Amino acid sequence: MNTTQRIHDEVKRLPEDLADRVLDFVLFLEQRHGVGNAVERANGTPDAMDKLFSNPIPLKEGVKLPVEREALYDRSCLR
């Protein structure tokens, strides 16, 4: 039995949430070592992040960036 088959047999016995962690780890290893297209398979498209950043969520009128750190904590619920 080869390593791939052993991994498959072990993962089949895991609950879905733990099997998902195994998948995340495999994708991490592929990305870290430059093997395969882990990011493309994980996101569905190779440039998913590019699409996200090219069409950001519009800001409300009057909101300016960057927001100062002090302004984030200047909320009535935090006083």
Foldseek 3Di string as FASTA:
>chain_A
DDPVVVVVVVLVPDDPVVNVVVLVVVLVVCVVVVHDQSVCVVVVHSCPVVVDVVDDDDDDPPDDPDDDPVVVCPDPVND
